[in-house]
Amino acid sequence: IDSVKISGLSNLPKNFPPFTCGAIGYFSYDFGLDLYEIKSRVKDDLNTKDLSFSFYDKVIVFDHQKDDLYFIAFAENKKLAEKLVYEIEGDILEGLSYSREFFAGSASLKPKSNLTLPRYKKKISEIKDYLGRGETYQVNFSQRFKCSYDSDPLDLFEKLYEINPSPYSCFIDDDEFFVISCSPERLFSINGDV
C-alpha cells in the first residue's frame, strides 16, 4: 500500500524482533484460484473465508532463540504507546487468571484421511508423471485429516508446537474457526523494499 507512511519504524534497534506491529492473517489456496481466475475442481465443503487479516498496534513477541519477551506498542506519541504497553500488561494478567476449564473435554484424536491409501498412492504416481513430463515443477499436494476435538484449541496448538517447534507457527482465533499451523517454511517475506 503506497499511500500509508509509518514513521518511527526505521529507528528500531537492530536486534528487535522482525514483527513489531501490523497485519496477521492468511490467504487461502482458494484465494489464489480466485485471483488468477482458475476454476476450482474441488468442492468447498468448509465454507471458510478466502482471506482474513487483523491489524495490531499492541504485540507481545517471545523470541524462542534468545529467550526474550518484548511488549511492543505503536501510537501517535510516546505517552499513548506507554499506555498501550500497560494495557498489554493488563491483558497478560487477565489471561493468567483465565480458566481453561471452560473448554475442558476429552479429545478423541482418531484422524481420518479424505483419501484411502490406494488413492493416495495413485495421486502421487500422477504427480510424478506430471513432473516427469515437465508439465509442472512443483506440486503442493495435501490431504485432509479430520477428527473430533472438544478441548481447548490452544492446548492442541501447544502440543503440536512441542512435537514440531516450527519457526513459522501460528494460532489464530478467527471467531468462526481456528487456524493452527506449525509450518517448516514461509511462502514469502518482505523486508524493506525487498
Protein backbone atom coordinates (compact mmCIF):
# COMPACT_ATOMS: atom_id res chain seq x y z
CA ILE A 1 0.00 0.00 0.00
CA ASP A 2 1.86 3.05 -1.25
CA SER A 3 -0.30 5.70 0.42
CA VAL A 4 0.48 4.68 4.01
CA LYS A 5 3.64 6.01 5.65
CA ILE A 6 4.71 4.63 9.02
CA SER A 7 7.15 6.78 10.93
CA GLY A 8 9.40 5.53 13.66
CA LEU A 9 9.98 2.02 12.34
CA SER A 10 13.37 2.95 10.91
CA ASN A 11 14.59 3.90 14.41
CA LEU A 12 14.14 0.45 15.92
CA PRO A 13 17.19 -1.29 17.39
CA LYS A 14 18.82 -3.79 15.04
CA ASN A 15 18.19 -6.71 17.41
CA PHE A 16 14.45 -6.00 17.60
CA PRO A 17 12.01 -8.76 16.51
CA PRO A 18 11.08 -8.64 12.82
CA PHE A 19 7.35 -8.29 13.59
CA THR A 20 6.52 -5.24 15.69
CA CYS A 21 3.02 -4.31 14.51
CA GLY A 22 0.78 -4.69 11.52
CA ALA A 23 -1.38 -7.35 9.93
CA ILE A 24 -1.57 -11.02 10.84
CA GLY A 25 -3.76 -13.39 8.91
CA TYR A 26 -3.91 -15.73 5.99
CA PHE A 27 -4.68 -16.16 2.30
CA SER A 28 -6.29 -19.49 1.44
CA TYR A 29 -5.32 -21.53 -1.62
CA ASP A 30 -8.81 -20.75 -2.93
CA PHE A 31 -7.94 -17.06 -2.83
CA GLY A 32 -5.14 -17.76 -5.32
CA LEU A 33 -7.55 -19.61 -7.59
CA ASP A 34 -9.96 -16.66 -7.49
CA LEU A 35 -7.17 -14.14 -8.02
CA TYR A 36 -5.97 -15.89 -11.20
CA GLU A 37 -9.48 -16.88 -12.30
CA ILE A 38 -8.72 -20.60 -12.12
CA LYS A 39 -11.73 -22.85 -11.77
CA SER A 40 -11.57 -24.98 -8.65
CA ARG A 41 -12.01 -28.72 -9.20
CA VAL A 42 -12.78 -29.48 -5.57
CA LYS A 43 -15.94 -28.90 -3.56
CA ASP A 44 -15.74 -26.13 -0.94
CA ASP A 45 -17.30 -28.05 1.92
CA LEU A 46 -15.74 -25.99 4.73
CA ASN A 47 -17.10 -22.59 3.65
CA THR A 48 -14.27 -20.70 5.35
CA LYS A 49 -13.04 -17.25 4.39
CA ASP A 50 -10.62 -16.99 1.46
CA LEU A 51 -8.61 -14.40 3.39
CA SER A 52 -8.68 -12.90 6.84
CA PHE A 53 -6.41 -10.33 8.48
CA SER A 54 -6.40 -8.46 11.75
CA PHE A 55 -4.28 -5.37 12.41
CA TYR A 56 -2.40 -4.96 15.67
CA ASP A 57 -0.85 -1.95 17.36
CA LYS A 58 -0.02 -3.92 20.54
CA VAL A 59 2.14 -7.02 20.26
CA ILE A 60 3.74 -9.50 22.62
CA VAL A 61 6.73 -11.16 20.98
CA PHE A 62 8.58 -14.07 22.52
CA ASP A 63 11.94 -14.77 20.90
CA HIS A 64 12.47 -18.51 21.42
CA GLN A 65 16.10 -18.35 20.29
CA LYS A 66 17.15 -15.58 22.69
CA ASP A 67 14.53 -16.37 25.38
CA ASP A 68 13.47 -12.69 25.37
CA LEU A 69 9.97 -11.26 25.81
CA TYR A 70 9.02 -7.96 24.16
CA PHE A 71 5.96 -5.77 24.79
CA ILE A 72 5.60 -3.57 21.73
CA ALA A 73 3.08 -0.79 21.13
CA PHE A 74 2.78 1.82 18.42
CA ALA A 75 0.80 5.02 18.78
CA GLU A 76 0.83 8.67 17.75
CA ASN A 77 3.16 9.60 20.59
CA LYS A 78 5.26 8.08 23.38
CA LYS A 79 2.63 8.68 26.08
CA LEU A 80 -0.05 6.78 24.14
CA ALA A 81 2.41 3.99 23.33
CA GLU A 82 3.24 3.62 27.05
CA LYS A 83 -0.49 3.44 27.82
CA LEU A 84 -0.83 0.61 25.30
CA VAL A 85 2.10 -1.23 26.92
CA TYR A 86 0.27 -1.04 30.28
CA GLU A 87 -2.81 -2.44 28.53
CA ILE A 88 -0.67 -5.35 27.32
CA GLU A 89 0.42 -5.98 30.91
CA GLY A 90 -3.25 -5.95 31.99
CA ASP A 91 -4.15 -8.35 29.17
CA ILE A 92 -1.45 -10.75 30.36
CA LEU A 93 -2.66 -10.64 33.97
CA GLU A 94 -6.23 -11.19 32.80
CA GLY A 95 -5.05 -14.11 30.65
CA LEU A 96 -3.26 -15.69 33.60
CA SER A 97 -6.48 -15.70 35.59
CA TYR A 98 -8.42 -17.13 32.63
CA SER A 99 -9.57 -20.65 33.38
CA ARG A 100 -9.15 -23.18 30.62
CA GLU A 101 -11.65 -25.43 32.32
CA PHE A 102 -14.30 -23.74 30.19
CA PHE A 103 -13.01 -25.86 27.31
CA ALA A 104 -12.47 -28.98 29.41
CA GLY A 105 -13.36 -32.08 27.49
CA SER A 106 -11.94 -35.26 26.19
CA ALA A 107 -10.17 -35.19 22.88
CA SER A 108 -10.75 -38.25 20.76
CA LEU A 109 -7.96 -37.82 18.26
CA LYS A 110 -8.59 -40.52 15.71
CA PRO A 111 -7.82 -38.68 12.47
CA LYS A 112 -9.38 -39.93 9.25
CA SER A 113 -7.98 -39.01 5.88
CA ASN A 114 -10.09 -37.90 2.95
CA LEU A 115 -8.04 -40.31 0.81
CA THR A 116 -7.66 -44.06 1.00
CA LEU A 117 -4.08 -45.38 0.82
CA PRO A 118 -4.53 -46.74 -2.75
CA ARG A 119 -5.99 -43.40 -3.91
CA TYR A 120 -3.14 -41.53 -2.20
CA LYS A 121 -0.55 -43.71 -3.99
CA LYS A 122 -2.36 -43.19 -7.32
CA LYS A 123 -2.27 -39.39 -6.84
CA ILE A 124 1.47 -39.50 -6.04
CA SER A 125 2.06 -41.54 -9.20
CA GLU A 126 0.12 -38.98 -11.26
CA ILE A 127 2.18 -36.16 -9.75
CA LYS A 128 5.41 -37.96 -10.64
CA ASP A 129 4.14 -38.32 -14.22
CA TYR A 130 3.36 -34.58 -14.43
CA LEU A 131 6.85 -33.77 -13.10
CA GLY A 132 8.50 -36.25 -15.47
CA ARG A 133 6.71 -34.77 -18.49
CA GLY A 134 7.70 -31.24 -17.42
CA GLU A 135 4.09 -30.12 -17.06
CA THR A 136 4.90 -28.69 -13.64
CA TYR A 137 7.94 -28.22 -11.45
CA GLN A 138 6.26 -28.13 -8.05
CA VAL A 139 3.11 -29.59 -6.57
CA ASN A 140 1.69 -28.76 -3.17
CA PHE A 141 -0.20 -32.00 -2.64
CA SER A 142 -2.12 -32.35 0.56
CA GLN A 143 -4.77 -34.44 2.13
CA ARG A 144 -7.25 -33.51 4.79
CA PHE A 145 -7.31 -35.25 8.14
CA LYS A 146 -10.42 -34.84 10.22
CA CYS A 147 -11.15 -35.74 13.82
CA SER A 148 -13.29 -34.72 16.74
CA TYR A 149 -11.67 -32.40 19.24
CA ASP A 150 -13.61 -30.89 22.10
CA SER A 151 -10.81 -29.48 24.24
CA ASP A 152 -9.10 -26.08 24.24
CA PRO A 153 -7.72 -25.30 20.73
CA LEU A 154 -4.76 -23.51 22.36
CA ASP A 155 -3.84 -26.78 24.12
CA LEU A 156 -3.80 -28.51 20.73
CA PHE A 157 -1.52 -25.81 19.32
CA GLU A 158 0.85 -26.11 22.30
CA LYS A 159 1.01 -29.92 21.90
CA LEU A 160 1.72 -29.60 18.17
CA TYR A 161 4.39 -26.99 18.87
CA GLU A 162 6.09 -29.34 21.36
CA ILE A 163 6.26 -32.00 18.64
CA ASN A 164 7.22 -29.57 15.86
CA PRO A 165 8.73 -26.31 17.21
CA SER A 166 8.46 -24.57 13.87
CA PRO A 167 9.79 -21.05 13.31
CA TYR A 168 6.59 -20.30 11.33
CA SER A 169 3.90 -21.42 13.71
CA CYS A 170 0.69 -19.58 14.43
CA PHE A 171 -2.51 -19.74 16.39
CA ILE A 172 -5.31 -17.55 15.06
CA ASP A 173 -8.75 -17.32 16.65
CA ASP A 174 -10.95 -16.08 13.81
CA ASP A 175 -14.18 -16.22 15.89
CA GLU A 176 -15.72 -18.66 13.37
CA PHE A 177 -12.81 -21.15 13.43
CA PHE A 178 -9.18 -21.53 14.48
CA VAL A 179 -6.07 -21.63 12.32
CA ILE A 180 -3.37 -23.77 13.91
CA SER A 181 -0.16 -24.09 11.94
CA CYS A 182 3.35 -25.39 12.53
CA SER A 183 4.86 -24.83 9.12
CA PRO A 184 8.53 -25.51 8.34
CA GLU A 185 8.62 -22.66 5.79
CA ARG A 186 7.04 -19.37 4.82
CA LEU A 187 5.64 -18.56 1.41
CA PHE A 188 7.21 -15.11 1.10
CA SER A 189 8.91 -12.41 3.13
CA ILE A 190 9.00 -8.66 2.67
CA ASN A 191 11.96 -6.82 4.18
CA GLY A 192 12.01 -3.12 3.34
CA ASP A 193 11.56 -2.86 -0.43
CA VAL A 194 12.61 -6.46 -0.99
